[in-house]
Protein backbone atom coordinates (compact mmCIF):
# COMPACT_ATOMS: atom_id res chain seq x y z
CA UNK A 1 17.38 -33.28 -19.76
CA UNK A 2 15.88 -34.84 -16.63
CA UNK A 3 18.21 -35.91 -13.83
CA UNK A 4 17.85 -39.66 -13.17
CA UNK A 5 16.62 -40.76 -9.76
CA UNK A 6 18.81 -42.66 -7.30
CA UNK A 7 15.71 -44.79 -6.54
CA UNK A 8 16.56 -45.07 -2.86
CA UNK A 9 13.40 -45.50 -0.76
CA UNK A 10 12.85 -42.80 1.85
CA UNK A 11 12.97 -43.97 5.45
CA UNK A 12 9.69 -43.60 7.31
CA UNK A 13 11.34 -42.13 10.40
CA UNK A 14 14.39 -39.86 10.63
CA UNK A 15 15.92 -39.17 14.02
CA UNK A 16 16.63 -35.50 14.76
CA UNK A 17 20.23 -35.10 15.92
CA UNK A 18 21.25 -31.72 14.46
CA UNK A 19 18.99 -28.74 13.89
CA UNK A 20 19.80 -25.53 12.01
CA UNK A 21 17.78 -22.55 13.22
CA UNK A 22 17.89 -19.30 11.23
CA UNK A 23 14.86 -17.06 11.57
CA UNK A 24 13.93 -13.45 11.02
CA UNK A 25 10.67 -13.84 12.96
CA UNK A 26 11.86 -14.88 16.42
CA UNK A 27 8.35 -15.79 17.64
CA UNK A 28 8.59 -18.97 19.71
CA UNK A 29 12.13 -19.79 18.60
CA UNK A 30 13.68 -19.82 22.09
CA UNK A 31 10.97 -22.13 23.42
CA UNK A 32 11.38 -24.43 20.43
CA UNK A 33 15.15 -24.49 20.75
CA UNK A 34 14.92 -25.27 24.47
CA UNK A 35 12.58 -28.19 23.79
CA UNK A 36 14.96 -29.50 21.10
CA UNK A 37 17.94 -29.16 23.42
CA UNK A 38 16.12 -31.12 26.11
CA UNK A 39 15.74 -33.93 23.58
CA UNK A 40 19.49 -33.95 23.00
CA UNK A 41 19.42 -32.17 19.65
CA UNK A 42 22.54 -30.20 18.71
CA UNK A 43 21.61 -26.59 17.91
CA UNK A 44 23.32 -24.64 15.12
CA UNK A 45 22.32 -21.09 14.34
CA UNK A 46 23.19 -17.82 12.60
CA UNK A 47 23.43 -14.11 13.37
CA UNK A 48 20.55 -12.70 15.37
CA UNK A 49 19.04 -16.12 16.01
CA UNK A 50 22.32 -17.33 17.48
CA UNK A 51 22.40 -14.31 19.78
CA UNK A 52 18.80 -14.83 20.91
CA UNK A 53 19.47 -18.46 21.80
CA UNK A 54 22.78 -17.67 23.51
CA UNK A 55 21.17 -14.89 25.53
CA UNK A 56 18.56 -17.44 26.65
CA UNK A 57 21.40 -19.60 28.02
CA UNK A 58 21.12 -22.33 25.40
CA UNK A 59 24.22 -24.15 24.08
CA UNK A 60 24.26 -23.27 20.38
CA UNK A 61 26.97 -23.56 17.73
CA UNK A 62 27.56 -20.84 15.18
CA UNK A 63 27.07 -21.84 11.55
CA UNK A 64 30.70 -20.94 10.96
CA UNK A 65 31.58 -24.15 12.85
CA UNK A 66 29.93 -26.06 9.99
CA UNK A 67 31.42 -23.99 7.20
CA UNK A 68 34.83 -23.13 8.60
CA UNK A 69 34.20 -19.67 7.22
CA UNK A 70 32.97 -16.52 9.00
CA UNK A 71 29.94 -14.44 8.06
CA UNK A 72 31.04 -11.73 5.62
CA UNK A 73 29.60 -8.75 3.76
CA UNK A 74 27.31 -7.63 6.60
CA UNK A 75 25.85 -11.12 6.85
CA UNK A 76 24.93 -11.35 3.17
CA UNK A 77 27.11 -14.45 2.91
CA UNK A 78 26.97 -16.92 5.79
CA UNK A 79 25.04 -20.08 4.81
CA UNK A 80 25.81 -20.25 1.07
CA UNK A 81 28.46 -22.91 1.61
CA UNK A 82 28.86 -26.68 0.97
CA UNK A 83 29.17 -27.18 4.73
CA UNK A 84 25.51 -26.14 5.01
CA UNK A 85 24.01 -27.26 1.73
CA UNK A 86 25.88 -30.54 1.73
CA UNK A 87 24.41 -31.24 5.16
CA UNK A 88 20.94 -30.48 3.85
CA UNK A 89 21.10 -32.20 0.46
CA UNK A 90 23.06 -35.38 1.19
CA UNK A 91 21.24 -38.65 0.61
CA UNK A 92 22.06 -40.47 3.82
CA UNK A 93 21.60 -43.96 2.31
CA UNK A 94 23.85 -43.27 -0.69
CA UNK A 95 27.41 -44.54 -0.14
CA UNK A 96 28.94 -41.91 -2.44
CA UNK A 97 27.15 -39.09 -0.60
CA UNK A 98 28.23 -40.45 2.78
CA UNK A 99 31.82 -40.75 1.58
CA UNK A 100 31.76 -37.16 0.35
CA UNK A 101 30.44 -35.98 3.72
CA UNK A 102 33.20 -37.87 5.55
CA UNK A 103 35.90 -36.59 3.22
CA UNK A 104 34.90 -32.94 3.53
CA UNK A 105 33.81 -32.95 7.16
CA UNK A 106 30.15 -32.20 6.38
CA UNK A 107 27.65 -32.64 9.22
CA UNK A 108 24.20 -34.00 8.37
CA UNK A 109 21.44 -31.51 9.22
CA UNK A 110 18.20 -33.32 10.11
CA UNK A 111 15.98 -30.34 10.93
CA UNK A 112 15.96 -26.85 9.42
CA UNK A 113 13.83 -24.16 11.05
CA UNK A 114 13.99 -21.16 8.76
CA UNK A 115 11.91 -18.11 7.97
CA UNK A 116 12.74 -15.22 5.71
CA UNK A 117 13.68 -11.56 5.83
CA UNK A 118 10.48 -9.52 6.18
CA UNK A 119 10.34 -8.36 2.56
CA UNK A 120 6.53 -8.30 2.42
CA UNK A 121 6.28 -6.21 5.59
CA UNK A 122 8.90 -3.73 4.40
CA UNK A 123 7.14 -3.37 1.07
CA UNK A 124 3.73 -2.90 2.72
CA UNK A 125 5.15 -0.12 4.91
CA UNK A 126 6.51 1.68 1.84
CA UNK A 127 10.21 1.11 2.44
CA UNK A 128 12.57 2.96 0.13
CA UNK A 129 14.29 1.15 -2.74
CA UNK A 130 17.63 0.31 -1.02
CA UNK A 131 15.89 -0.87 2.17
CA UNK A 132 13.47 -3.04 0.24
CA UNK A 133 16.26 -4.62 -1.81
CA UNK A 134 18.28 -5.30 1.33
CA UNK A 135 15.33 -7.27 2.69
CA UNK A 136 15.40 -9.73 -0.21
CA UNK A 137 16.56 -12.96 1.43
CA UNK A 138 18.99 -15.16 -0.51
CA UNK A 139 20.40 -17.73 1.88
CA UNK A 140 17.05 -18.44 3.51
CA UNK A 141 15.19 -19.49 0.33
CA UNK A 142 18.21 -21.52 -0.79
CA UNK A 143 18.27 -23.50 2.46
CA UNK A 144 14.50 -23.91 2.48
CA UNK A 145 14.45 -25.26 -1.06
CA UNK A 146 17.40 -27.57 -0.41
CA UNK A 147 15.79 -28.96 2.75
CA UNK A 148 12.43 -29.39 1.06
CA UNK A 149 13.96 -31.20 -1.91
CA UNK A 150 15.69 -33.61 0.45
CA UNK A 151 12.58 -34.15 2.60
CA UNK A 152 13.29 -37.87 2.50
CA UNK A 153 15.88 -37.10 5.19
CA UNK A 154 15.39 -33.49 6.28
CA UNK A 155 12.49 -31.83 8.08
CA UNK A 156 11.94 -28.20 7.06
CA UNK A 157 9.74 -25.86 9.13
CA UNK A 158 9.11 -22.34 7.86
CA UNK A 159 6.13 -21.18 9.92
CA UNK A 160 6.23 -20.49 13.68
CA UNK A 161 2.62 -21.68 13.80
CA UNK A 162 3.94 -25.17 13.04
CA UNK A 163 6.34 -25.33 16.01
CA UNK A 164 3.76 -27.08 18.25
CA UNK A 165 3.13 -29.63 15.49
CA UNK A 166 6.86 -30.24 15.18
CA UNK A 167 7.28 -30.81 18.92
CA UNK A 168 4.32 -33.17 18.93
CA UNK A 169 5.80 -35.02 15.95
CA UNK A 170 9.25 -35.50 17.52
CA UNK A 171 7.97 -36.61 20.90
CA UNK A 172 9.75 -39.87 20.20
CA UNK A 173 12.82 -38.17 18.75
CA UNK A 174 12.04 -38.65 15.03
CA UNK A 175 9.81 -37.34 12.25
CA UNK A 176 7.71 -39.46 9.93
CA UNK A 177 7.92 -39.25 6.13
CA UNK A 178 4.32 -37.99 5.79
CA UNK A 179 5.12 -35.08 8.11
CA UNK A 180 8.28 -34.22 6.20
CA UNK A 181 6.31 -34.26 2.93
CA UNK A 182 3.70 -31.93 4.36
CA UNK A 183 6.32 -29.49 5.65
CA UNK A 184 8.19 -29.61 2.32
CA UNK A 185 5.03 -28.71 0.43
CA UNK A 186 4.47 -25.74 2.74
CA UNK A 187 8.08 -24.68 2.31
CA UNK A 188 7.91 -24.51 -1.48
CA UNK A 189 4.64 -22.59 -1.29
CA UNK A 190 6.34 -20.12 1.05
CA UNK A 191 9.32 -19.48 -1.21
CA UNK A 192 7.01 -19.23 -4.23
CA UNK A 193 4.88 -16.57 -2.52
CA UNK A 194 8.03 -14.76 -1.37
CA UNK A 195 9.46 -14.62 -4.89
CA UNK A 196 6.05 -13.55 -6.18
CA UNK A 197 6.07 -10.58 -3.80
CA UNK A 198 9.56 -9.59 -4.97
CA UNK A 199 8.78 -9.90 -8.68
CA UNK A 200 5.54 -7.94 -8.28
CA UNK A 201 7.38 -5.21 -6.38
CA UNK A 202 9.87 -4.91 -9.23
CA UNK A 203 7.00 -4.75 -11.72
CA UNK A 204 5.53 -1.86 -9.73
CA UNK A 205 8.71 0.18 -9.27
CA UNK A 206 9.73 -0.35 -12.90
CA UNK A 207 6.20 0.52 -14.10
CA UNK A 208 5.75 -2.81 -15.87
CA UNK A 209 2.10 -3.68 -15.19
CA UNK A 210 2.15 -6.74 -17.45
CA UNK A 211 5.54 -8.47 -17.07
CA UNK A 212 6.44 -11.59 -19.05
CA UNK A 213 5.86 -13.77 -15.98
CA UNK A 214 3.18 -12.70 -13.50
CA UNK A 215 2.96 -14.61 -10.24
CA UNK A 216 0.25 -13.98 -7.68
CA UNK A 217 0.91 -15.36 -4.23
CA UNK A 218 -1.08 -15.34 -1.04
CA UNK A 219 -1.23 -16.66 2.50
CA UNK A 220 -4.25 -18.62 3.69
CA UNK A 221 -6.09 -16.45 6.17
CA UNK A 222 -8.83 -18.99 6.70
CA UNK A 223 -10.30 -22.07 5.11
CA UNK A 224 -13.97 -21.54 4.40
CA UNK A 225 -16.77 -23.97 5.09
CA UNK A 226 -17.52 -23.91 1.36
CA UNK A 227 -17.39 -21.66 -1.71
CA UNK A 228 -20.23 -20.00 -3.58
CA UNK A 229 -22.15 -23.26 -3.15
CA UNK A 230 -21.92 -26.02 -0.51
CA UNK A 231 -20.30 -28.53 -2.88
CA UNK A 232 -17.35 -26.16 -3.60
CA UNK A 233 -14.18 -25.90 -1.50
CA UNK A 234 -12.84 -22.41 -0.76
CA UNK A 235 -10.13 -20.53 1.10
CA UNK A 236 -9.46 -16.87 1.78
CA UNK A 237 -5.91 -15.86 0.87
CA UNK A 238 -4.37 -12.48 1.64
CA UNK A 239 -1.73 -10.97 -0.61
CA UNK A 240 -0.18 -8.57 1.87
CA UNK A 241 -1.45 -5.50 0.02
CA UNK A 242 -1.73 -2.68 2.54
CA UNK A 243 -5.23 -1.62 1.49
CA UNK A 244 -7.98 -1.18 4.12
CA UNK A 245 -10.81 -3.58 3.43
CA UNK A 246 -12.26 -6.97 4.19
CA UNK A 247 -8.86 -8.71 3.98
CA UNK A 248 -7.28 -6.48 6.63
CA UNK A 249 -10.36 -5.82 8.76
CA UNK A 250 -10.88 -6.92 12.36
CA UNK A 251 -13.96 -9.06 12.95
CA UNK A 252 -15.46 -7.45 16.05
CA UNK A 253 -18.34 -9.90 16.35
CA UNK A 254 -20.23 -12.57 14.46
CA UNK A 255 -19.41 -15.94 12.94
CA UNK A 256 -16.90 -16.63 10.20
CA UNK A 257 -17.55 -14.80 6.95
CA UNK A 258 -18.55 -16.98 4.02
CA UNK A 259 -17.05 -16.85 0.53
CA UNK A 260 -20.06 -14.85 -0.67
CA UNK A 261 -19.91 -12.55 2.37
CA UNK A 262 -16.30 -11.66 1.61
CA UNK A 263 -16.98 -11.06 -2.07
CA UNK A 264 -19.99 -8.85 -1.37
CA UNK A 265 -18.35 -7.01 1.52
CA UNK A 266 -15.37 -6.11 -0.64
CA UNK A 267 -17.70 -4.78 -3.33
CA UNK A 268 -19.59 -2.72 -0.77
CA UNK A 269 -16.56 -1.17 0.87
CA UNK A 270 -14.85 -0.31 -2.42
CA UNK A 271 -18.03 1.45 -3.53
CA UNK A 272 -18.57 3.49 -0.36
CA UNK A 273 -14.91 4.57 -0.44
CA UNK A 274 -15.73 6.60 -3.56
CA UNK A 275 -17.38 9.14 -1.23
CA UNK A 276 -14.99 11.18 0.91
CA UNK A 277 -16.04 11.06 4.58
CA UNK A 278 -15.08 14.70 5.16
CA UNK A 279 -17.62 15.80 2.55
CA UNK A 280 -20.62 13.67 3.54
CA UNK A 281 -21.71 10.53 5.29
CA UNK A 282 -22.25 7.68 2.85
CA UNK A 283 -23.85 4.25 2.96
CA UNK A 284 -23.91 1.47 0.39
CA UNK A 285 -26.11 -1.61 0.68
CA UNK A 286 -24.98 -4.56 -1.44
CA UNK A 287 -26.65 -7.79 -2.46
CA UNK A 288 -24.87 -10.38 -4.61
CA UNK A 289 -22.03 -7.92 -5.36
CA UNK A 290 -24.44 -5.30 -6.75
CA UNK A 291 -25.62 -2.19 -4.91
CA UNK A 292 -29.33 -2.08 -4.17
CA UNK A 293 -29.08 1.33 -2.52
CA UNK A 294 -26.47 4.07 -2.09
CA UNK A 295 -26.85 7.49 -0.51
CA UNK A 296 -25.04 10.42 1.06
CA UNK A 297 -26.42 12.69 3.79
CA UNK A 298 -25.32 15.03 6.58
CA UNK A 299 -25.50 12.12 9.06
CA UNK A 300 -24.69 8.44 8.74
CA UNK A 301 -28.11 7.37 10.02
CA UNK A 302 -29.82 9.48 7.37
CA UNK A 303 -27.50 8.12 4.67
CA UNK A 304 -28.49 4.60 5.71
CA UNK A 305 -32.20 5.39 5.67
CA UNK A 306 -31.93 6.96 2.23
CA UNK A 307 -29.92 4.03 0.85
CA UNK A 308 -32.45 1.58 2.27
CA UNK A 309 -35.35 3.49 0.71
CA UNK A 310 -34.07 2.73 -2.79
CA UNK A 311 -34.82 -1.00 -2.51
CA UNK A 312 -35.70 -2.19 0.98
CA UNK A 313 -36.79 -5.60 -0.33
CA UNK A 314 -33.41 -6.45 -1.85
CA UNK A 315 -31.58 -5.00 1.17
CA UNK A 316 -32.87 -7.86 3.34
CA UNK A 317 -29.88 -10.06 4.18
CA UNK A 318 -27.49 -7.65 2.51
CA UNK A 319 -24.12 -6.08 3.26
CA UNK A 320 -23.89 -2.55 4.65
CA UNK A 321 -20.78 -0.44 4.07
CA UNK A 322 -20.20 2.93 5.73
CA UNK A 323 -17.57 5.59 5.04
CA UNK A 324 -17.47 6.90 8.62
CA UNK A 325 -17.42 5.49 12.14
CA UNK A 326 -20.55 3.49 12.92
CA UNK A 327 -22.38 5.41 15.63
CA UNK A 328 -25.21 4.47 17.98
CA UNK A 329 -27.99 6.15 15.99
CA UNK A 330 -27.04 4.35 12.78
CA UNK A 331 -26.60 1.05 14.62
CA UNK A 332 -30.13 1.35 16.03
CA UNK A 333 -31.47 1.77 12.50
CA UNK A 334 -29.48 -1.13 11.06
CA UNK A 335 -30.57 -3.72 13.65
CA UNK A 336 -34.20 -3.21 12.62
CA UNK A 337 -33.49 -5.21 9.44
CA UNK A 338 -31.82 -8.60 8.98
CA UNK A 339 -28.31 -7.85 7.75
CA UNK A 340 -25.39 -10.23 7.10
CA UNK A 341 -22.38 -7.91 7.46
CA UNK A 342 -21.56 -4.33 8.45
CA UNK A 343 -18.18 -2.90 7.46
CA UNK A 344 -16.93 0.52 8.55
CA UNK A 345 -13.62 2.27 9.23
CA UNK A 346 -14.35 2.15 12.96
CA UNK A 347 -17.16 1.46 15.42
CA UNK A 348 -18.07 3.39 18.56
CA UNK A 349 -18.41 1.52 21.84
CA UNK A 350 -22.10 2.43 21.98
CA UNK A 351 -22.64 1.02 18.49
CA UNK A 352 -20.80 -2.20 19.42
CA UNK A 353 -23.19 -2.71 22.33
CA UNK A 354 -26.21 -2.20 20.07
CA UNK A 355 -24.95 -4.54 17.35
CA UNK A 356 -24.20 -7.14 20.03
CA UNK A 357 -27.96 -7.66 20.34
CA UNK A 358 -27.65 -9.48 17.01
CA UNK A 359 -24.84 -11.96 17.79
CA UNK A 360 -24.87 -13.50 14.30
CA UNK A 361 -24.42 -10.13 12.60
CA UNK A 362 -20.80 -9.83 11.44
CA UNK A 363 -19.23 -6.50 12.30
CA UNK A 364 -15.96 -5.46 10.66
CA UNK A 365 -13.70 -2.49 11.41
CA UNK A 366 -11.01 -1.68 8.84
CA UNK A 367 -9.14 1.22 10.41
CA UNK A 368 -9.54 3.34 7.28
CA UNK A 369 -10.90 3.60 3.76
CA UNK A 370 -9.20 2.32 0.61
CA UNK A 371 -8.05 5.06 -1.75
CA UNK A 372 -10.04 4.56 -4.98
CA UNK A 373 -7.32 6.34 -6.97
CA UNK A 374 -4.48 4.03 -5.95
CA UNK A 375 -3.22 1.55 -8.55
CA UNK A 376 -3.42 -2.18 -8.04
CA UNK A 377 -4.28 -5.42 -9.80
CA UNK A 378 -7.39 -7.55 -10.18
CA UNK A 379 -7.41 -11.10 -11.50
CA UNK A 380 -9.81 -13.87 -12.44
CA UNK A 381 -9.28 -17.36 -13.71
CA UNK A 382 -10.35 -18.72 -17.08
CA UNK A 383 -9.84 -22.19 -18.49
CA UNK A 384 -6.09 -22.63 -18.78
CA UNK A 385 -5.24 -19.07 -17.87
CA UNK A 386 -5.41 -16.03 -15.66
CA UNK A 387 -6.81 -12.65 -16.69
CA UNK A 388 -4.99 -9.83 -14.94
CA UNK A 389 -5.72 -6.12 -15.22
CA UNK A 390 -4.95 -2.93 -13.36
CA UNK A 391 -7.57 -1.83 -10.87
CA UNK A 392 -10.29 0.47 -12.24
CA UNK A 393 -9.12 3.59 -10.40
CA UNK A 394 -10.77 6.13 -12.71
CA UNK A 395 -12.65 8.86 -10.85
CA UNK A 396 -15.36 11.02 -12.38
CA UNK A 397 -13.95 14.06 -10.54
CA UNK A 398 -10.75 13.67 -12.54
CA UNK A 399 -12.49 13.55 -15.92
CA UNK A 400 -13.15 16.42 -18.28
CA UNK A 401 -16.90 16.16 -18.78
CA UNK A 402 -18.12 17.21 -22.21
CA UNK A 403 -21.61 18.67 -22.62
CA UNK A 404 -22.91 17.32 -25.94
CA UNK A 405 -26.55 18.58 -25.89
CA UNK A 406 -28.07 21.99 -26.45
CA UNK A 407 -29.01 22.20 -22.80
CA UNK A 408 -26.25 22.05 -20.21
CA UNK A 409 -27.04 20.35 -16.91
CA UNK A 410 -27.99 22.43 -13.93
CA UNK A 411 -25.63 22.44 -10.95
CA UNK A 412 -27.85 19.93 -9.14
CA UNK A 413 -28.14 17.71 -12.21
CA UNK A 414 -24.36 17.73 -12.55
CA UNK A 415 -23.93 16.62 -8.93
CA UNK A 416 -26.49 13.87 -9.43
CA UNK A 417 -24.76 12.80 -12.64
CA UNK A 418 -21.43 12.41 -10.87
CA UNK A 419 -23.04 10.53 -7.99
CA UNK A 420 -24.83 8.15 -10.38
CA UNK A 421 -21.64 7.54 -12.40
CA UNK A 422 -19.69 6.70 -9.24
CA UNK A 423 -22.28 4.09 -8.34
CA UNK A 424 -22.54 2.74 -11.91
CA UNK A 425 -18.80 2.01 -11.79
CA UNK A 426 -19.57 -0.63 -9.14
CA UNK A 427 -22.66 -2.16 -10.77
CA UNK A 428 -22.38 -5.29 -12.91
CA UNK A 429 -22.69 -4.54 -16.62
CA UNK A 430 -24.92 -3.65 -18.29
CA UNK A 431 -25.52 -0.98 -15.65
CA UNK A 432 -28.06 1.84 -15.41
CA UNK A 433 -28.27 4.00 -12.28
CA UNK A 434 -30.79 6.76 -11.55
CA UNK A 435 -29.86 9.24 -8.82
CA UNK A 436 -31.41 12.33 -7.28
CA UNK A 437 -30.18 14.57 -4.48
CA UNK A 438 -27.33 12.25 -3.48
CA UNK A 439 -29.45 9.11 -3.40
CA UNK A 440 -29.91 6.23 -5.81
CA UNK A 441 -33.43 6.22 -7.20
CA UNK A 442 -33.20 3.00 -9.19
CA UNK A 443 -30.49 0.51 -10.16
CA UNK A 444 -30.54 -1.88 -13.10
CA UNK A 445 -27.70 -4.41 -13.10
CA UNK A 446 -26.25 -7.21 -15.17
CA UNK A 447 -28.75 -7.38 -18.01
CA UNK A 448 -27.80 -8.46 -21.50
CA UNK A 449 -29.69 -5.45 -22.85
CA UNK A 450 -29.06 -1.92 -21.60
CA UNK A 451 -32.70 -1.13 -22.31
CA UNK A 452 -33.74 -3.89 -19.90
CA UNK A 453 -31.41 -2.48 -17.24
CA UNK A 454 -33.08 0.93 -17.65
CA UNK A 455 -36.54 -0.60 -17.39
CA UNK A 456 -35.70 -2.76 -14.36
CA UNK A 457 -34.24 0.25 -12.56
CA UNK A 458 -37.42 2.20 -13.27
CA UNK A 459 -39.60 -0.65 -12.03
CA UNK A 460 -37.56 -0.83 -8.82
CA UNK A 461 -38.03 2.91 -8.37
CA UNK A 462 -41.80 2.61 -8.78
CA UNK A 463 -41.93 -0.22 -6.23
CA UNK A 464 -39.86 1.83 -3.77
CA UNK A 465 -42.18 4.82 -4.21
CA UNK A 466 -45.23 2.68 -3.42
CA UNK A 467 -43.54 1.22 -0.34
CA UNK A 468 -42.73 4.73 0.90
CA UNK A 469 -46.17 6.11 0.01
CA UNK A 470 -44.72 8.61 -2.45
CA UNK A 471 -46.85 10.11 -5.21
CA UNK A 472 -44.19 9.39 -7.82
CA UNK A 473 -40.83 7.57 -7.97
CA UNK A 474 -37.55 9.38 -7.33
CA UNK A 475 -36.59 8.84 -10.96
CA UNK A 476 -38.76 11.86 -11.79
CA UNK A 477 -36.28 14.69 -12.28
CA UNK A 478 -33.29 12.39 -11.73
CA UNK A 479 -29.96 12.02 -13.46
CA UNK A 480 -29.18 8.67 -15.05
CA UNK A 481 -25.77 7.08 -15.58
CA UNK A 482 -24.73 4.37 -17.98
CA UNK A 483 -21.33 2.81 -17.29
CA UNK A 484 -20.77 2.26 -21.04
CA UNK A 485 -21.95 4.12 -24.11
CA UNK A 486 -25.59 4.00 -25.16
CA UNK A 487 -25.47 2.12 -28.48
CA UNK A 488 -28.95 3.21 -29.51
CA UNK A 489 -31.44 5.85 -28.50
CA UNK A 490 -33.84 3.24 -27.04
CA UNK A 491 -32.00 3.05 -23.72
CA UNK A 492 -32.10 6.82 -23.41
CA UNK A 493 -35.80 6.91 -24.27
CA UNK A 494 -36.53 4.35 -21.53
CA UNK A 495 -34.67 6.54 -19.04
CA UNK A 496 -36.57 9.62 -20.21
CA UNK A 497 -39.85 7.73 -19.84
CA UNK A 498 -38.85 6.99 -16.23
CA UNK A 499 -38.43 10.73 -15.66
CA UNK A 500 -34.68 11.32 -16.06
CA UNK A 501 -33.75 14.86 -17.13
CA UNK A 502 -29.97 14.45 -17.36
CA UNK A 503 -27.71 11.68 -18.65
CA UNK A 504 -24.04 10.85 -18.10
CA UNK A 505 -22.33 8.23 -20.24
CA UNK A 506 -18.89 7.57 -21.75
CA UNK A 507 -19.91 8.25 -25.37
CA UNK A 508 -18.10 6.72 -28.31
CA UNK A 509 -20.93 4.87 -30.05
CA UNK A 510 -21.29 4.89 -33.82
CA UNK A 511 -24.77 6.30 -33.16
CA UNK A 512 -23.79 9.04 -30.72
CA UNK A 513 -25.41 11.66 -32.94
CA UNK A 514 -28.68 9.74 -32.94
CA UNK A 515 -28.62 9.51 -29.13
CA UNK A 516 -27.73 13.20 -28.78
CA UNK A 517 -30.57 14.16 -31.13
CA UNK A 518 -33.05 12.19 -29.01
CA UNK A 519 -31.82 13.96 -25.88
CA UNK A 520 -32.18 17.36 -27.53
CA UNK A 521 -35.67 16.49 -28.71
CA UNK A 522 -36.72 15.88 -25.10
CA UNK A 523 -34.73 18.80 -23.65
CA UNK A 524 -32.49 16.40 -21.71
CA UNK A 525 -28.95 17.42 -20.76
CA UNK A 526 -26.21 14.94 -21.60
CA UNK A 527 -22.50 14.79 -20.85
CA UNK A 528 -19.82 12.41 -22.09
CA UNK A 529 -17.07 11.22 -19.73
CA UNK A 530 -14.79 9.55 -22.26
CA UNK A 531 -14.23 6.72 -19.76
CA UNK A 532 -16.28 3.56 -19.35
CA UNK A 533 -16.54 1.24 -16.33
CA UNK A 534 -17.42 -2.27 -17.54
CA UNK A 535 -17.71 -4.65 -14.59
CA UNK A 536 -18.22 -8.34 -15.26
């Protein structure tokens, strides 16, 4: 049953006389408190915040002066008291509320500056179970929610970044209703994201990937100029997941990344992370979230050249991801072609100087590679709902490959099969990838028919061969990967016509025997992985 409203109009301006400051993040709190004190505001504080303000020589009351009760249980209980919450929740224009405050000696709190225990940071650093639980704030969210509910009379500030706005707002000693509304909205978003982080942590530690209630929270990293198209609004939110990538990267140079840049850069870096840097240099070139060229080589520059050779036309204006530090030689190669973004674990000083010749080229350093085997979540919206799934962390090296044809693959064919299957995992379905000697030879992505994907990949390979002056495309003698089973033999026959001699696919079609028979007829080796990699 809904609680009836008191229907008391909110005052436009509320004078700040008493402020409660209780923060875990002490950034700027002393400066804020000093400015408040200079305006004649009474300061009340708790625990470590009280000490910080006292040490700075500021007159500050302990919260126990409001509650008449000391902090107990190692500080777990200090603000959960009517002396605090009555001061935050009282309707100042309601005679009954005012009488209750007078009767019980409750002081009105006009401003609450509160931020929370660093639960997200502790979780990101891999804190143990007891430490993580201890960093679940109770009193903080309760005070924030109480203050935000009573924003008609109370100003709540939860973000140190808003301290300058607060000081500007109270230049005349009061806050306006519109400001209090804005701060209240931010406050509820903060506690919602905080609780989301806690509930998701519990889901992880209790191995409950699909809990009854799934909440996904984030913090706005930057508001974008627009979304996929200029008429769409967009923002980039970070979840706090400690995974090297575009969300955690440092922008070393270049203008703000667009919505499409971020989407494509993430796709590129997740793909290139499939290739261990200690085994080989790897480069992935992405356009519209699909790879147009991927290669490994003894050097990064050679890996880039080989990736570019697969489809130099599509690579124009693309995203380049590297699995090792960007060096000067590779940088010299990259600046020859118009590129939107480069992302790498690190960048040498020499490479930075070379890339600086192209001031609009975005350069990102992540500090590491994401582990493709680690679990995680991915989500997308649908009308009226949210589709959530665990990250596709399947790795072909971990699979038991089953040879299903008379001829087993050669050692080289097997390596090319694995390479092609790794790439196919990151290609929009339906996906067909030809590979030879650690280099993509042709990529067919996102077609409604798998046969068309095979044909498009072959056409791309022929065009690349002509551009390079080769006698025949690299698909001759290549391995071909399909990210899902081949439902008919026609897709296989198209790949064979392009020159493929080995095939890797999940298997599991009703017509597997028909497809296997076609492979045997053409002396083509085929292996089943038992795992598919649909990507929509």
